[in-house]
């Protein structure tokens, strides 16, 4: 079943329901369910180094709010006037101990989650970085979120990462690497 939306665009049941959710928020950011929505932005990346066979990527482990260990790409919030690329370089170094140099943007992912007081709409900007120095450590993570860090072969990464949207970023990184490196 399809119809036409308010702006004349074609709607499917999925896009209509997404539009209904968007329309349910009033100007204060509150949704029909009563929780306010907060927008968050982070930046991070896929930091690579040459390996015997291909490349390795530095990833971190952290515990989620439910106490489950998750392996993920390093990321965090920009500080002050910091742009996304600079924030990605800083966050990768803080969370992994590895200094990186930005090679290119890998795009952004968005997701939603809820905490007791509000809903969060998060956008994460990802970059492909080349490791230029440092040693693996979580000791410099100011938030102490990272509990472990590891180099993982690029071809093993999709099995190791906890989140499908980060696995898609790795697929993009792999395409860029295959095309340019």
C-alpha atoms as a PDB file:
ATOM      1  CA  UNK A   1       0.000   0.000   0.000  1.00  0.00           C
ATOM      2  CA  UNK A   2       1.404   3.379  -0.971  1.00  0.00           C
ATOM      3  CA  UNK A   3       0.133   6.910  -0.713  1.00  0.00           C
ATOM      4  CA  UNK A   4       1.252  10.470  -0.991  1.00  0.00           C
ATOM      5  CA  UNK A   5       2.844  12.356   1.894  1.00  0.00           C
ATOM      6  CA  UNK A   6       2.235  15.983   2.881  1.00  0.00           C
ATOM      7  CA  UNK A   7       5.061  17.187   0.650  1.00  0.00           C
ATOM      8  CA  UNK A   8       3.787  15.209  -2.363  1.00  0.00           C
ATOM      9  CA  UNK A   9       6.439  12.514  -1.949  1.00  0.00           C
ATOM     10  CA  UNK A  10       5.505   8.871  -2.407  1.00  0.00           C
ATOM     11  CA  UNK A  11       5.064   7.021   0.918  1.00  0.00           C
ATOM     12  CA  UNK A  12       5.253   3.330   1.669  1.00  0.00           C
ATOM     13  CA  UNK A  13       4.049   1.907   4.992  1.00  0.00           C
ATOM     14  CA  UNK A  14       7.647   2.138   6.267  1.00  0.00           C
ATOM     15  CA  UNK A  15       8.268   5.748   5.225  1.00  0.00           C
ATOM     16  CA  UNK A  16       4.833   6.737   6.444  1.00  0.00           C
ATOM     17  CA  UNK A  17       5.547   5.290   9.896  1.00  0.00           C
ATOM     18  CA  UNK A  18       8.967   6.983   9.990  1.00  0.00           C
ATOM     19  CA  UNK A  19       7.319  10.265   9.006  1.00  0.00           C
ATOM     20  CA  UNK A  20       4.679   9.774  11.699  1.00  0.00           C
ATOM     21  CA  UNK A  21       7.383   9.311  14.324  1.00  0.00           C
ATOM     22  CA  UNK A  22       9.157  12.448  13.142  1.00  0.00           C
ATOM     23  CA  UNK A  23       5.911  14.385  13.127  1.00  0.00           C
ATOM     24  CA  UNK A  24       5.113  13.251  16.676  1.00  0.00           C
ATOM     25  CA  UNK A  25       7.874  15.447  18.103  1.00  0.00           C
ATOM     26  CA  UNK A  26       6.851  18.988  18.949  1.00  0.00           C
ATOM     27  CA  UNK A  27       9.196  21.960  18.746  1.00  0.00           C
ATOM     28  CA  UNK A  28      10.600  21.254  22.238  1.00  0.00           C
ATOM     29  CA  UNK A  29      11.964  17.901  21.052  1.00  0.00           C
ATOM     30  CA  UNK A  30       9.385  15.936  23.058  1.00  0.00           C
ATOM     31  CA  UNK A  31       7.819  12.900  21.443  1.00  0.00           C
ATOM     32  CA  UNK A  32       4.316  11.608  21.956  1.00  0.00           C
ATOM     33  CA  UNK A  33       5.755   9.229  24.590  1.00  0.00           C
ATOM     34  CA  UNK A  34       6.811  12.226  26.696  1.00  0.00           C
ATOM     35  CA  UNK A  35      10.592  11.881  26.652  1.00  0.00           C
ATOM     36  CA  UNK A  36      12.624  14.790  25.267  1.00  0.00           C
ATOM     37  CA  UNK A  37      15.041  14.061  22.432  1.00  0.00           C
ATOM     38  CA  UNK A  38      18.693  15.052  22.608  1.00  0.00           C
ATOM     39  CA  UNK A  39      20.908  15.290  19.505  1.00  0.00           C
ATOM     40  CA  UNK A  40      24.480  13.985  19.922  1.00  0.00           C
ATOM     41  CA  UNK A  41      27.410  14.017  17.516  1.00  0.00           C
ATOM     42  CA  UNK A  42      30.559  11.899  17.710  1.00  0.00           C
ATOM     43  CA  UNK A  43      33.519  11.228  15.460  1.00  0.00           C
ATOM     44  CA  UNK A  44      35.847   8.275  15.213  1.00  0.00           C
ATOM     45  CA  UNK A  45      37.426   5.948  12.829  1.00  0.00           C
ATOM     46  CA  UNK A  46      38.973   2.917  11.335  1.00  0.00           C
ATOM     47  CA  UNK A  47      42.703   3.232  12.087  1.00  0.00           C
ATOM     48  CA  UNK A  48      44.780   0.832   9.997  1.00  0.00           C
ATOM     49  CA  UNK A  49      48.345  -0.430   9.904  1.00  0.00           C
ATOM     50  CA  UNK A  50      50.023  -2.776   7.403  1.00  0.00           C
ATOM     51  CA  UNK A  51      50.153  -6.422   8.475  1.00  0.00           C
ATOM     52  CA  UNK A  52      51.784  -9.557   7.083  1.00  0.00           C
ATOM     53  CA  UNK A  53      48.616 -10.157   5.080  1.00  0.00           C
ATOM     54  CA  UNK A  54      46.684  -6.960   4.385  1.00  0.00           C
ATOM     55  CA  UNK A  55      45.863  -4.531   7.192  1.00  0.00           C
ATOM     56  CA  UNK A  56      44.952  -4.574  10.885  1.00  0.00           C
ATOM     57  CA  UNK A  57      42.491  -2.242  12.611  1.00  0.00           C
ATOM     58  CA  UNK A  58      42.625  -1.030  16.225  1.00  0.00           C
ATOM     59  CA  UNK A  59      39.305  -1.551  18.033  1.00  0.00           C
ATOM     60  CA  UNK A  60      38.184  -1.144  21.634  1.00  0.00           C
ATOM     61  CA  UNK A  61      36.072  -3.145  24.050  1.00  0.00           C
ATOM     62  CA  UNK A  62      33.708  -1.466  26.481  1.00  0.00           C
ATOM     63  CA  UNK A  63      30.827  -2.485  28.689  1.00  0.00           C
ATOM     64  CA  UNK A  64      27.377  -1.265  27.672  1.00  0.00           C
ATOM     65  CA  UNK A  65      24.792   0.018  30.157  1.00  0.00           C
ATOM     66  CA  UNK A  66      23.535  -3.558  30.591  1.00  0.00           C
ATOM     67  CA  UNK A  67      27.003  -4.838  31.512  1.00  0.00           C
ATOM     68  CA  UNK A  68      27.661  -6.681  28.229  1.00  0.00           C
ATOM     69  CA  UNK A  69      31.125  -6.425  26.628  1.00  0.00           C
ATOM     70  CA  UNK A  70      30.994  -4.840  23.156  1.00  0.00           C
ATOM     71  CA  UNK A  71      33.814  -4.498  20.605  1.00  0.00           C
ATOM     72  CA  UNK A  72      33.549  -1.299  18.627  1.00  0.00           C
ATOM     73  CA  UNK A  73      35.355   1.364  16.672  1.00  0.00           C
ATOM     74  CA  UNK A  74      36.833   4.186  18.766  1.00  0.00           C
ATOM     75  CA  UNK A  75      34.747   7.377  18.789  1.00  0.00           C
ATOM     76  CA  UNK A  76      33.784  10.324  20.955  1.00  0.00           C
ATOM     77  CA  UNK A  77      32.409  13.838  21.094  1.00  0.00           C
ATOM     78  CA  UNK A  78      34.149  16.810  19.478  1.00  0.00           C
ATOM     79  CA  UNK A  79      35.502  19.294  22.005  1.00  0.00           C
ATOM     80  CA  UNK A  80      34.927  23.026  21.593  1.00  0.00           C
ATOM     81  CA  UNK A  81      35.467  24.224  18.011  1.00  0.00           C
ATOM     82  CA  UNK A  82      37.058  20.907  16.961  1.00  0.00           C
ATOM     83  CA  UNK A  83      35.969  19.648  13.523  1.00  0.00           C
ATOM     84  CA  UNK A  84      34.905  16.026  12.990  1.00  0.00           C
ATOM     85  CA  UNK A  85      38.224  14.880  11.493  1.00  0.00           C
ATOM     86  CA  UNK A  86      40.254  16.396  14.355  1.00  0.00           C
ATOM     87  CA  UNK A  87      37.897  14.867  16.911  1.00  0.00           C
ATOM     88  CA  UNK A  88      38.288  11.452  15.237  1.00  0.00           C
ATOM     89  CA  UNK A  89      42.103  11.661  15.399  1.00  0.00           C
ATOM     90  CA  UNK A  90      42.018  12.705  19.074  1.00  0.00           C
ATOM     91  CA  UNK A  91      39.429  10.104  20.102  1.00  0.00           C
ATOM     92  CA  UNK A  92      41.247   7.262  18.313  1.00  0.00           C
ATOM     93  CA  UNK A  93      44.452   8.200  20.113  1.00  0.00           C
ATOM     94  CA  UNK A  94      42.787   8.590  23.516  1.00  0.00           C
ATOM     95  CA  UNK A  95      40.890   5.301  23.318  1.00  0.00           C
ATOM     96  CA  UNK A  96      43.511   3.123  21.565  1.00  0.00           C
ATOM     97  CA  UNK A  97      46.887   4.826  22.163  1.00  0.00           C
ATOM     98  CA  UNK A  98      47.439   4.946  18.382  1.00  0.00           C
ATOM     99  CA  UNK A  99      48.203   8.236  16.612  1.00  0.00           C
ATOM    100  CA  UNK A 100      46.510   8.417  13.244  1.00  0.00           C
ATOM    101  CA  UNK A 101      46.481  10.569  10.157  1.00  0.00           C
ATOM    102  CA  UNK A 102      43.189  10.997   8.274  1.00  0.00           C
ATOM    103  CA  UNK A 103      43.157   9.439   4.801  1.00  0.00           C
ATOM    104  CA  UNK A 104      39.498  10.053   3.919  1.00  0.00           C
ATOM    105  CA  UNK A 105      35.952  10.258   5.257  1.00  0.00           C
ATOM    106  CA  UNK A 106      33.987   7.006   5.436  1.00  0.00           C
ATOM    107  CA  UNK A 107      30.613   8.626   5.969  1.00  0.00           C
ATOM    108  CA  UNK A 108      28.269   8.798   8.923  1.00  0.00           C
ATOM    109  CA  UNK A 109      25.908   6.500  10.770  1.00  0.00           C
ATOM    110  CA  UNK A 110      22.856   7.440  12.836  1.00  0.00           C
ATOM    111  CA  UNK A 111      21.044   5.589  15.562  1.00  0.00           C
ATOM    112  CA  UNK A 112      18.637   6.108  18.452  1.00  0.00           C
ATOM    113  CA  UNK A 113      18.742   4.916  22.043  1.00  0.00           C
ATOM    114  CA  UNK A 114      16.878   5.744  25.224  1.00  0.00           C
ATOM    115  CA  UNK A 115      18.195   6.487  28.690  1.00  0.00           C
ATOM    116  CA  UNK A 116      15.912   6.977  31.706  1.00  0.00           C
ATOM    117  CA  UNK A 117      15.505  10.741  31.187  1.00  0.00           C
ATOM    118  CA  UNK A 118      15.545  11.167  27.395  1.00  0.00           C
ATOM    119  CA  UNK A 119      15.896   9.703  23.907  1.00  0.00           C
ATOM    120  CA  UNK A 120      19.169  10.223  22.064  1.00  0.00           C
ATOM    121  CA  UNK A 121      19.536  10.645  18.313  1.00  0.00           C
ATOM    122  CA  UNK A 122      23.237  10.097  17.647  1.00  0.00           C
ATOM    123  CA  UNK A 123      25.223  10.799  14.482  1.00  0.00           C
ATOM    124  CA  UNK A 124      28.761   9.395  14.253  1.00  0.00           C
ATOM    125  CA  UNK A 125      31.166  10.635  11.561  1.00  0.00           C
ATOM    126  CA  UNK A 126      33.778   8.021  10.610  1.00  0.00           C
ATOM    127  CA  UNK A 127      37.183   8.434   8.980  1.00  0.00           C
ATOM    128  CA  UNK A 128      39.823   6.093   7.614  1.00  0.00           C
ATOM    129  CA  UNK A 129      43.098   6.792   9.414  1.00  0.00           C
ATOM    130  CA  UNK A 130      46.615   5.524   8.894  1.00  0.00           C
ATOM    131  CA  UNK A 131      48.465   4.609  12.103  1.00  0.00           C
ATOM    132  CA  UNK A 132      51.554   6.828  12.385  1.00  0.00           C
ATOM    133  CA  UNK A 133      52.707   6.025  15.915  1.00  0.00           C
ATOM    134  CA  UNK A 134      51.812   5.006  19.443  1.00  0.00           C
ATOM    135  CA  UNK A 135      51.271   1.771  21.323  1.00  0.00           C
ATOM    136  CA  UNK A 136      47.993   0.012  22.107  1.00  0.00           C
ATOM    137  CA  UNK A 137      46.719   1.147  25.508  1.00  0.00           C
ATOM    138  CA  UNK A 138      43.499   2.252  27.187  1.00  0.00           C
ATOM    139  CA  UNK A 139      45.420   4.212  29.841  1.00  0.00           C
ATOM    140  CA  UNK A 140      44.831   7.587  28.129  1.00  0.00           C
ATOM    141  CA  UNK A 141      41.050   7.242  27.810  1.00  0.00           C
ATOM    142  CA  UNK A 142      39.765  10.151  29.922  1.00  0.00           C
ATOM    143  CA  UNK A 143      36.288   8.593  30.306  1.00  0.00           C
ATOM    144  CA  UNK A 144      37.702   5.130  31.123  1.00  0.00           C
ATOM    145  CA  UNK A 145      35.105   3.579  28.813  1.00  0.00           C
ATOM    146  CA  UNK A 146      37.582   1.425  26.901  1.00  0.00           C
ATOM    147  CA  UNK A 147      38.480  -1.670  28.929  1.00  0.00           C
ATOM    148  CA  UNK A 148      40.513  -3.413  26.241  1.00  0.00           C
ATOM    149  CA  UNK A 149      42.059  -2.645  22.866  1.00  0.00           C
ATOM    150  CA  UNK A 150      43.303  -4.931  20.108  1.00  0.00           C
ATOM    151  CA  UNK A 151      44.677  -5.020  16.582  1.00  0.00           C
ATOM    152  CA  UNK A 152      42.342  -7.179  14.477  1.00  0.00           C
ATOM    153  CA  UNK A 153      42.923  -8.283  10.888  1.00  0.00           C
ATOM    154  CA  UNK A 154      40.688  -6.296   8.539  1.00  0.00           C
ATOM    155  CA  UNK A 155      39.227  -9.515   7.123  1.00  0.00           C
ATOM    156  CA  UNK A 156      38.272 -10.671  10.668  1.00  0.00           C
ATOM    157  CA  UNK A 157      36.783  -7.372  11.804  1.00  0.00           C
ATOM    158  CA  UNK A 158      33.209  -7.922  10.688  1.00  0.00           C
ATOM    159  CA  UNK A 159      32.989 -11.010  12.931  1.00  0.00           C
ATOM    160  CA  UNK A 160      34.460  -9.132  15.900  1.00  0.00           C
ATOM    161  CA  UNK A 161      32.483  -5.873  15.903  1.00  0.00           C
ATOM    162  CA  UNK A 162      29.255  -5.824  17.912  1.00  0.00           C
ATOM    163  CA  UNK A 163      27.229  -3.397  15.788  1.00  0.00           C
ATOM    164  CA  UNK A 164      25.929  -3.890  12.220  1.00  0.00           C
ATOM    165  CA  UNK A 165      26.247  -0.178  11.396  1.00  0.00           C
ATOM    166  CA  UNK A 166      29.957  -0.255  12.291  1.00  0.00           C
ATOM    167  CA  UNK A 167      30.388  -3.390  10.175  1.00  0.00           C
ATOM    168  CA  UNK A 168      28.956  -1.372   7.254  1.00  0.00           C
ATOM    169  CA  UNK A 169      31.570   1.357   7.897  1.00  0.00           C
ATOM    170  CA  UNK A 170      34.267  -1.337   7.766  1.00  0.00           C
ATOM    171  CA  UNK A 171      32.870  -2.547   4.425  1.00  0.00           C
ATOM    172  CA  UNK A 172      33.232   1.010   3.117  1.00  0.00           C
ATOM    173  CA  UNK A 173      36.788   1.195   4.516  1.00  0.00           C
ATOM    174  CA  UNK A 174      37.642  -2.087   2.811  1.00  0.00           C
ATOM    175  CA  UNK A 175      36.368  -0.724  -0.536  1.00  0.00           C
ATOM    176  CA  UNK A 176      38.448   2.453  -0.150  1.00  0.00           C
ATOM    177  CA  UNK A 177      41.536   0.407   0.757  1.00  0.00           C
ATOM    178  CA  UNK A 178      41.042  -1.963  -2.190  1.00  0.00           C
ATOM    179  CA  UNK A 179      40.569   0.975  -4.570  1.00  0.00           C
ATOM    180  CA  UNK A 180      43.404   3.215  -3.368  1.00  0.00           C
ATOM    181  CA  UNK A 181      46.020   1.428  -1.259  1.00  0.00           C
END
